[in-house]
Amino acid sequence: MPPTVKLTAQRFGPEKANIVFGWIFAGHQLGAASAALAGGLSRTAWQSYMPAFIAAGVLCLIGAALVLLINRGRTPSLATA
């Protein structure tokens, strides 16, 4: 996604942006695979997707709370200067 590539380049510099974005993409794919596996396991074990749905919601709330902890007043890195 172009905004992610641009933010990665701004934060880590154009020299490292490709490698860092590759790791971001790999992490995204691992997360998607884990979510699909958890949904399947939930359906097999409890005959319902509800436990996987609730777990995903809780993880989203934790992620939203962590975003609030990001320090926005930090000085820019030397890579963006």
PDB file of N, CA and C in Angstrom:
ATOM      1  N   MET A   1       0.849  -1.163   0.000  1.00  0.00           N
ATOM      2  CA  MET A   1       0.000   0.000   0.000  1.00  0.00           C
ATOM      3  C   MET A   1       0.901   1.233   0.000  1.00  0.00           C
ATOM      4  N   PRO A   2       0.704   2.160  -0.910  1.00  0.00           N
ATOM      5  CA  PRO A   2       1.591   3.319  -1.035  1.00  0.00           C
ATOM      6  C   PRO A   2       1.782   4.152   0.237  1.00  0.00           C
ATOM      7  N   PRO A   3       0.735   4.432   1.053  1.00  0.00           N
ATOM      8  CA  PRO A   3       1.004   5.216   2.261  1.00  0.00           C
ATOM      9  C   PRO A   3       1.969   4.514   3.223  1.00  0.00           C
ATOM     10  N   THR A   4       1.882   3.198   3.313  1.00  0.00           N
ATOM     11  CA  THR A   4       2.780   2.461   4.186  1.00  0.00           C
ATOM     12  C   THR A   4       4.208   2.537   3.676  1.00  0.00           C
ATOM     13  N   VAL A   5       4.385   2.442   2.376  1.00  0.00           N
ATOM     14  CA  VAL A   5       5.724   2.539   1.785  1.00  0.00           C
ATOM     15  C   VAL A   5       6.298   3.926   2.059  1.00  0.00           C
ATOM     16  N   LYS A   6       5.493   4.960   1.890  1.00  0.00           N
ATOM     17  CA  LYS A   6       5.977   6.329   2.110  1.00  0.00           C
ATOM     18  C   LYS A   6       6.342   6.550   3.577  1.00  0.00           C
ATOM     19  N   LEU A   7       5.491   6.083   4.496  1.00  0.00           N
ATOM     20  CA  LEU A   7       5.792   6.239   5.913  1.00  0.00           C
ATOM     21  C   LEU A   7       7.049   5.457   6.297  1.00  0.00           C
ATOM     22  N   THR A   8       7.218   4.285   5.717  1.00  0.00           N
ATOM     23  CA  THR A   8       8.413   3.487   5.982  1.00  0.00           C
ATOM     24  C   THR A   8       9.658   4.215   5.486  1.00  0.00           C
ATOM     25  N   ALA A   9       9.587   4.788   4.299  1.00  0.00           N
ATOM     26  CA  ALA A   9      10.730   5.525   3.744  1.00  0.00           C
ATOM     27  C   ALA A   9      11.042   6.764   4.574  1.00  0.00           C
ATOM     28  N   GLN A  10      10.020   7.449   5.059  1.00  0.00           N
ATOM     29  CA  GLN A  10      10.238   8.629   5.887  1.00  0.00           C
ATOM     30  C   GLN A  10      10.898   8.265   7.211  1.00  0.00           C
ATOM     31  N   ARG A  11      10.479   7.161   7.793  1.00  0.00           N
ATOM     32  CA  ARG A  11      10.969   6.782   9.114  1.00  0.00           C
ATOM     33  C   ARG A  11      12.350   6.142   9.067  1.00  0.00           C
ATOM     34  N   PHE A  12      12.604   5.271   8.082  1.00  0.00           N
ATOM     35  CA  PHE A  12      13.847   4.510   8.045  1.00  0.00           C
ATOM     36  C   PHE A  12      14.808   4.940   6.945  1.00  0.00           C
ATOM     37  N   GLY A  13      14.380   5.866   6.109  1.00  0.00           N
ATOM     38  CA  GLY A  13      15.242   6.336   5.027  1.00  0.00           C
ATOM     39  C   GLY A  13      15.050   5.509   3.769  1.00  0.00           C
ATOM     40  N   PRO A  14      15.301   6.118   2.616  1.00  0.00           N
ATOM     41  CA  PRO A  14      15.070   5.411   1.349  1.00  0.00           C
ATOM     42  C   PRO A  14      15.985   4.203   1.156  1.00  0.00           C
ATOM     43  N   GLU A  15      17.159   4.194   1.809  1.00  0.00           N
ATOM     44  CA  GLU A  15      18.072   3.068   1.642  1.00  0.00           C
ATOM     45  C   GLU A  15      17.534   1.792   2.286  1.00  0.00           C
ATOM     46  N   LYS A  16      16.848   1.924   3.413  1.00  0.00           N
ATOM     47  CA  LYS A  16      16.370   0.762   4.162  1.00  0.00           C
ATOM     48  C   LYS A  16      14.883   0.490   3.950  1.00  0.00           C
ATOM     49  N   ALA A  17      14.193   1.355   3.236  1.00  0.00           N
ATOM     50  CA  ALA A  17      12.738   1.255   3.109  1.00  0.00           C
ATOM     51  C   ALA A  17      12.292  -0.071   2.500  1.00  0.00           C
ATOM     52  N   ASN A  18      12.993  -0.565   1.490  1.00  0.00           N
ATOM     53  CA  ASN A  18      12.569  -1.807   0.838  1.00  0.00           C
ATOM     54  C   ASN A  18      12.636  -3.000   1.782  1.00  0.00           C
ATOM     55  N   ILE A  19      13.724  -3.102   2.527  1.00  0.00           N
ATOM     56  CA  ILE A  19      13.878  -4.223   3.458  1.00  0.00           C
ATOM     57  C   ILE A  19      12.852  -4.125   4.588  1.00  0.00           C
ATOM     58  N   VAL A  20      12.689  -2.950   5.148  1.00  0.00           N
ATOM     59  CA  VAL A  20      11.745  -2.785   6.258  1.00  0.00           C
ATOM     60  C   VAL A  20      10.319  -3.051   5.780  1.00  0.00           C
ATOM     61  N   PHE A  21       9.963  -2.555   4.611  1.00  0.00           N
ATOM     62  CA  PHE A  21       8.616  -2.816   4.109  1.00  0.00           C
ATOM     63  C   PHE A  21       8.418  -4.297   3.826  1.00  0.00           C
ATOM     64  N   GLY A  22       9.460  -4.978   3.388  1.00  0.00           N
ATOM     65  CA  GLY A  22       9.368  -6.426   3.202  1.00  0.00           C
ATOM     66  C   GLY A  22       9.027  -7.132   4.505  1.00  0.00           C
ATOM     67  N   TRP A  23       9.651  -6.711   5.597  1.00  0.00           N
ATOM     68  CA  TRP A  23       9.343  -7.300   6.907  1.00  0.00           C
ATOM     69  C   TRP A  23       7.931  -6.941   7.352  1.00  0.00           C
ATOM     70  N   ILE A  24       7.490  -5.729   7.063  1.00  0.00           N
ATOM     71  CA  ILE A  24       6.119  -5.337   7.392  1.00  0.00           C
ATOM     72  C   ILE A  24       5.130  -6.221   6.630  1.00  0.00           C
ATOM     73  N   PHE A  25       5.390  -6.423   5.353  1.00  0.00           N
ATOM     74  CA  PHE A  25       4.514  -7.248   4.518  1.00  0.00           C
ATOM     75  C   PHE A  25       4.501  -8.694   5.008  1.00  0.00           C
ATOM     76  N   ALA A  26       5.680  -9.225   5.353  1.00  0.00           N
ATOM     77  CA  ALA A  26       5.758 -10.603   5.860  1.00  0.00           C
ATOM     78  C   ALA A  26       4.987 -10.736   7.172  1.00  0.00           C
ATOM     79  N   GLY A  27       5.123  -9.757   8.058  1.00  0.00           N
ATOM     80  CA  GLY A  27       4.375  -9.785   9.316  1.00  0.00           C
ATOM     81  C   GLY A  27       2.873  -9.741   9.087  1.00  0.00           C
ATOM     82  N   HIS A  28       2.453  -8.956   8.108  1.00  0.00           N
ATOM     83  CA  HIS A  28       1.036  -8.876   7.775  1.00  0.00           C
ATOM     84  C   HIS A  28       0.520 -10.234   7.300  1.00  0.00           C
ATOM     85  N   GLN A  29       1.295 -10.898   6.466  1.00  0.00           N
ATOM     86  CA  GLN A  29       0.880 -12.204   5.953  1.00  0.00           C
ATOM     87  C   GLN A  29       0.848 -13.258   7.050  1.00  0.00           C
ATOM     88  N   LEU A  30       1.810 -13.223   7.957  1.00  0.00           N
ATOM     89  CA  LEU A  30       1.800 -14.159   9.092  1.00  0.00           C
ATOM     90  C   LEU A  30       0.593 -13.919   9.996  1.00  0.00           C
ATOM     91  N   GLY A  31       0.252 -12.654  10.202  1.00  0.00           N
ATOM     92  CA  GLY A  31      -0.927 -12.335  11.000  1.00  0.00           C
ATOM     93  C   GLY A  31      -2.210 -12.823  10.349  1.00  0.00           C
ATOM     94  N   ALA A  32      -2.319 -12.660   9.038  1.00  0.00           N
ATOM     95  CA  ALA A  32      -3.509 -13.126   8.321  1.00  0.00           C
ATOM     96  C   ALA A  32      -3.623 -14.646   8.383  1.00  0.00           C
ATOM     97  N   ALA A  33      -2.500 -15.326   8.234  1.00  0.00           N
ATOM     98  CA  ALA A  33      -2.510 -16.784   8.302  1.00  0.00           C
ATOM     99  C   ALA A  33      -2.883 -17.260   9.708  1.00  0.00           C
ATOM    100  N   SER A  34      -2.366 -16.588  10.718  1.00  0.00           N
ATOM    101  CA  SER A  34      -2.693 -16.956  12.101  1.00  0.00           C
ATOM    102  C   SER A  34      -4.170 -16.745  12.395  1.00  0.00           C
ATOM    103  N   ALA A  35      -4.723 -15.663  11.893  1.00  0.00           N
ATOM    104  CA  ALA A  35      -6.147 -15.390  12.115  1.00  0.00           C
ATOM    105  C   ALA A  35      -7.017 -16.435  11.427  1.00  0.00           C
ATOM    106  N   ALA A  36      -6.649 -16.829  10.215  1.00  0.00           N
ATOM    107  CA  ALA A  36      -7.411 -17.860   9.513  1.00  0.00           C
ATOM    108  C   ALA A  36      -7.322 -19.202  10.244  1.00  0.00           C
ATOM    109  N   LEU A  37      -6.143 -19.529  10.728  1.00  0.00           N
ATOM    110  CA  LEU A  37      -5.964 -20.771  11.482  1.00  0.00           C
ATOM    111  C   LEU A  37      -6.769 -20.739  12.778  1.00  0.00           C
ATOM    112  N   ALA A  38      -6.729 -19.622  13.491  1.00  0.00           N
ATOM    113  CA  ALA A  38      -7.484 -19.503  14.744  1.00  0.00           C
ATOM    114  C   ALA A  38      -8.985 -19.625  14.497  1.00  0.00           C
ATOM    115  N   GLY A  39      -9.459 -19.036  13.415  1.00  0.00           N
ATOM    116  CA  GLY A  39     -10.881 -19.168  13.078  1.00  0.00           C
ATOM    117  C   GLY A  39     -11.258 -20.614  12.794  1.00  0.00           C
ATOM    118  N   GLY A  40     -10.417 -21.308  12.066  1.00  0.00           N
ATOM    119  CA  GLY A  40     -10.679 -22.719  11.767  1.00  0.00           C
ATOM    120  C   GLY A  40     -10.636 -23.582  13.019  1.00  0.00           C
ATOM    121  N   LEU A  41      -9.655 -23.336  13.878  1.00  0.00           N
ATOM    122  CA  LEU A  41      -9.569 -24.092  15.129  1.00  0.00           C
ATOM    123  C   LEU A  41     -10.768 -23.822  16.029  1.00  0.00           C
ATOM    124  N   SER A  42     -11.195 -22.563  16.063  1.00  0.00           N
ATOM    125  CA  SER A  42     -12.364 -22.198  16.853  1.00  0.00           C
ATOM    126  C   SER A  42     -13.603 -22.924  16.343  1.00  0.00           C
ATOM    127  N   ARG A  43     -13.769 -22.942  15.045  1.00  0.00           N
ATOM    128  CA  ARG A  43     -14.936 -23.612  14.447  1.00  0.00           C
ATOM    129  C   ARG A  43     -14.898 -25.118  14.714  1.00  0.00           C
ATOM    130  N   THR A  44     -13.718 -25.712  14.646  1.00  0.00           N
ATOM    131  CA  THR A  44     -13.584 -27.148  14.888  1.00  0.00           C
ATOM    132  C   THR A  44     -13.831 -27.495  16.356  1.00  0.00           C
ATOM    133  N   ALA A  45     -13.259 -26.716  17.261  1.00  0.00           N
ATOM    134  CA  ALA A  45     -13.340 -27.037  18.686  1.00  0.00           C
ATOM    135  C   ALA A  45     -14.701 -26.700  19.292  1.00  0.00           C
ATOM    136  N   TRP A  46     -15.265 -25.550  18.951  1.00  0.00           N
ATOM    137  CA  TRP A  46     -16.491 -25.086  19.612  1.00  0.00           C
ATOM    138  C   TRP A  46     -17.692 -24.948  18.683  1.00  0.00           C
ATOM    139  N   GLN A  47     -17.546 -25.339  17.427  1.00  0.00           N
ATOM    140  CA  GLN A  47     -18.626 -25.236  16.448  1.00  0.00           C
ATOM    141  C   GLN A  47     -19.147 -23.797  16.318  1.00  0.00           C
ATOM    142  N   SER A  48     -18.249 -22.839  16.527  1.00  0.00           N
ATOM    143  CA  SER A  48     -18.626 -21.432  16.455  1.00  0.00           C
ATOM    144  C   SER A  48     -17.389 -20.590  16.140  1.00  0.00           C
ATOM    145  N   TYR A  49     -17.606 -19.524  15.415  1.00  0.00           N
ATOM    146  CA  TYR A  49     -16.534 -18.575  15.165  1.00  0.00           C
ATOM    147  C   TYR A  49     -16.477 -17.492  16.243  1.00  0.00           C
ATOM    148  N   MET A  50     -17.411 -17.490  17.165  1.00  0.00           N
ATOM    149  CA  MET A  50     -17.501 -16.430  18.159  1.00  0.00           C
ATOM    150  C   MET A  50     -16.226 -16.273  18.996  1.00  0.00           C
ATOM    151  N   PRO A  51     -15.584 -17.354  19.494  1.00  0.00           N
ATOM    152  CA  PRO A  51     -14.342 -17.145  20.259  1.00  0.00           C
ATOM    153  C   PRO A  51     -13.250 -16.445  19.438  1.00  0.00           C
ATOM    154  N   ALA A  52     -13.109 -16.810  18.172  1.00  0.00           N
ATOM    155  CA  ALA A  52     -12.118 -16.152  17.322  1.00  0.00           C
ATOM    156  C   ALA A  52     -12.508 -14.698  17.079  1.00  0.00           C
ATOM    157  N   PHE A  53     -13.795 -14.436  16.909  1.00  0.00           N
ATOM    158  CA  PHE A  53     -14.268 -13.069  16.695  1.00  0.00           C
ATOM    159  C   PHE A  53     -14.006 -12.207  17.925  1.00  0.00           C
ATOM    160  N   ILE A  54     -14.267 -12.757  19.102  1.00  0.00           N
ATOM    161  CA  ILE A  54     -14.033 -12.004  20.346  1.00  0.00           C
ATOM    162  C   ILE A  54     -12.539 -11.765  20.542  1.00  0.00           C
ATOM    163  N   ALA A  55     -11.715 -12.784  20.281  1.00  0.00           N
ATOM    164  CA  ALA A  55     -10.263 -12.615  20.412  1.00  0.00           C
ATOM    165  C   ALA A  55      -9.753 -11.535  19.458  1.00  0.00           C
ATOM    166  N   ALA A  56     -10.266 -11.525  18.224  1.00  0.00           N
ATOM    167  CA  ALA A  56      -9.850 -10.503  17.261  1.00  0.00           C
ATOM    168  C   ALA A  56     -10.260  -9.114  17.741  1.00  0.00           C
ATOM    169  N   GLY A  57     -11.455  -9.000  18.299  1.00  0.00           N
ATOM    170  CA  GLY A  57     -11.905  -7.707  18.826  1.00  0.00           C
ATOM    171  C   GLY A  57     -11.050  -7.217  19.982  1.00  0.00           C
ATOM    172  N   VAL A  58     -10.697  -8.132  20.876  1.00  0.00           N
ATOM    173  CA  VAL A  58      -9.847  -7.766  22.014  1.00  0.00           C
ATOM    174  C   VAL A  58      -8.468  -7.321  21.526  1.00  0.00           C
ATOM    175  N   LEU A  59      -7.911  -8.059  20.561  1.00  0.00           N
ATOM    176  CA  LEU A  59      -6.613  -7.667  20.016  1.00  0.00           C
ATOM    177  C   LEU A  59      -6.678  -6.310  19.317  1.00  0.00           C
ATOM    178  N   CYS A  60      -7.781  -6.017  18.651  1.00  0.00           N
ATOM    179  CA  CYS A  60      -7.950  -4.698  18.020  1.00  0.00           C
ATOM    180  C   CYS A  60      -8.005  -3.585  19.063  1.00  0.00           C
ATOM    181  N   LEU A  61      -8.699  -3.833  20.162  1.00  0.00           N
ATOM    182  CA  LEU A  61      -8.757  -2.837  21.236  1.00  0.00           C
ATOM    183  C   LEU A  61      -7.387  -2.617  21.869  1.00  0.00           C
ATOM    184  N   ILE A  62      -6.623  -3.695  22.047  1.00  0.00           N
ATOM    185  CA  ILE A  62      -5.269  -3.557  22.584  1.00  0.00           C
ATOM    186  C   ILE A  62      -4.398  -2.752  21.614  1.00  0.00           C
ATOM    187  N   GLY A  63      -4.513  -3.044  20.324  1.00  0.00           N
ATOM    188  CA  GLY A  63      -3.759  -2.291  19.320  1.00  0.00           C
ATOM    189  C   GLY A  63      -4.133  -0.816  19.317  1.00  0.00           C
ATOM    190  N   ALA A  64      -5.421  -0.523  19.442  1.00  0.00           N
ATOM    191  CA  ALA A  64      -5.867   0.879  19.479  1.00  0.00           C
ATOM    192  C   ALA A  64      -5.315   1.584  20.713  1.00  0.00           C
ATOM    193  N   ALA A  65      -5.279   0.886  21.836  1.00  0.00           N
ATOM    194  CA  ALA A  65      -4.729   1.484  23.052  1.00  0.00           C
ATOM    195  C   ALA A  65      -3.227   1.727  22.905  1.00  0.00           C
ATOM    196  N   LEU A  66      -2.533   0.809  22.263  1.00  0.00           N
ATOM    197  CA  LEU A  66      -1.093   0.987  22.059  1.00  0.00           C
ATOM    198  C   LEU A  66      -0.795   2.161  21.141  1.00  0.00           C
ATOM    199  N   VAL A  67      -1.660   2.403  20.169  1.00  0.00           N
ATOM    200  CA  VAL A  67      -1.459   3.545  19.271  1.00  0.00           C
ATOM    201  C   VAL A  67      -1.493   4.852  20.058  1.00  0.00           C
ATOM    202  N   LEU A  68      -2.319   4.897  21.086  1.00  0.00           N
ATOM    203  CA  LEU A  68      -2.394   6.106  21.900  1.00  0.00           C
ATOM    204  C   LEU A  68      -1.110   6.370  22.681  1.00  0.00           C
ATOM    205  N   LEU A  69      -0.292   5.344  22.851  1.00  0.00           N
ATOM    206  CA  LEU A  69       0.961   5.500  23.588  1.00  0.00           C
ATOM    207  C   LEU A  69       2.117   5.990  22.716  1.00  0.00           C
ATOM    208  N   ILE A  70       1.897   6.089  21.409  1.00  0.00           N
ATOM    209  CA  ILE A  70       2.958   6.551  20.517  1.00  0.00           C
ATOM    210  C   ILE A  70       3.284   7.996  20.853  1.00  0.00           C
ATOM    211  N   ASN A  71       4.569   8.262  21.019  1.00  0.00           N
ATOM    212  CA  ASN A  71       5.010   9.616  21.357  1.00  0.00           C
ATOM    213  C   ASN A  71       5.069  10.456  20.081  1.00  0.00           C
ATOM    214  N   ARG A  72       4.134  11.343  19.925  1.00  0.00           N
ATOM    215  CA  ARG A  72       4.078  12.170  18.703  1.00  0.00           C
ATOM    216  C   ARG A  72       4.993  13.392  18.790  1.00  0.00           C
ATOM    217  N   GLY A  73       5.479  13.736  19.964  1.00  0.00           N
ATOM    218  CA  GLY A  73       6.332  14.903  20.114  1.00  0.00           C
ATOM    219  C   GLY A  73       7.797  14.609  19.912  1.00  0.00           C
ATOM    220  N   ARG A  74       8.126  13.389  19.507  1.00  0.00           N
ATOM    221  CA  ARG A  74       9.518  13.000  19.317  1.00  0.00           C
ATOM    222  C   ARG A  74      10.121  13.744  18.133  1.00  0.00           C
ATOM    223  N   THR A  75      11.413  14.029  18.236  1.00  0.00           N
ATOM    224  CA  THR A  75      12.084  14.713  17.135  1.00  0.00           C
ATOM    225  C   THR A  75      12.261  13.739  15.979  1.00  0.00           C
ATOM    226  N   PRO A  76      12.246  14.231  14.742  1.00  0.00           N
ATOM    227  CA  PRO A  76      12.414  13.348  13.592  1.00  0.00           C
ATOM    228  C   PRO A  76      13.797  12.689  13.589  1.00  0.00           C
ATOM    229  N   SER A  77      13.847  11.500  13.017  1.00  0.00           N
ATOM    230  CA  SER A  77      15.122  10.779  12.952  1.00  0.00           C
ATOM    231  C   SER A  77      16.039  11.453  11.941  1.00  0.00           C
ATOM    232  N   LEU A  78      17.313  11.115  12.015  1.00  0.00           N
ATOM    233  CA  LEU A  78      18.283  11.694  11.086  1.00  0.00           C
ATOM    234  C   LEU A  78      18.022  11.257   9.652  1.00  0.00           C
ATOM    235  N   ALA A  79      17.351  10.104   9.470  1.00  0.00           N
ATOM    236  CA  ALA A  79      17.076   9.601   8.120  1.00  0.00           C
ATOM    237  C   ALA A  79      16.133  10.515   7.355  1.00  0.00           C
ATOM    238  N   THR A  80      15.248  11.226   8.062  1.00  0.00           N
ATOM    239  CA  THR A  80      14.291  12.093   7.393  1.00  0.00           C
ATOM    240  C   THR A  80      14.799  13.517   7.251  1.00  0.00           C
ATOM    241  N   ALA A  81      15.902  13.839   7.911  1.00  0.00           N
ATOM    242  CA  ALA A  81      16.412  15.206   7.871  1.00  0.00           C
ATOM    243  C   ALA A  81      17.121  15.506   6.575  1.00  0.00           C
TER     244      ALA A  81
END
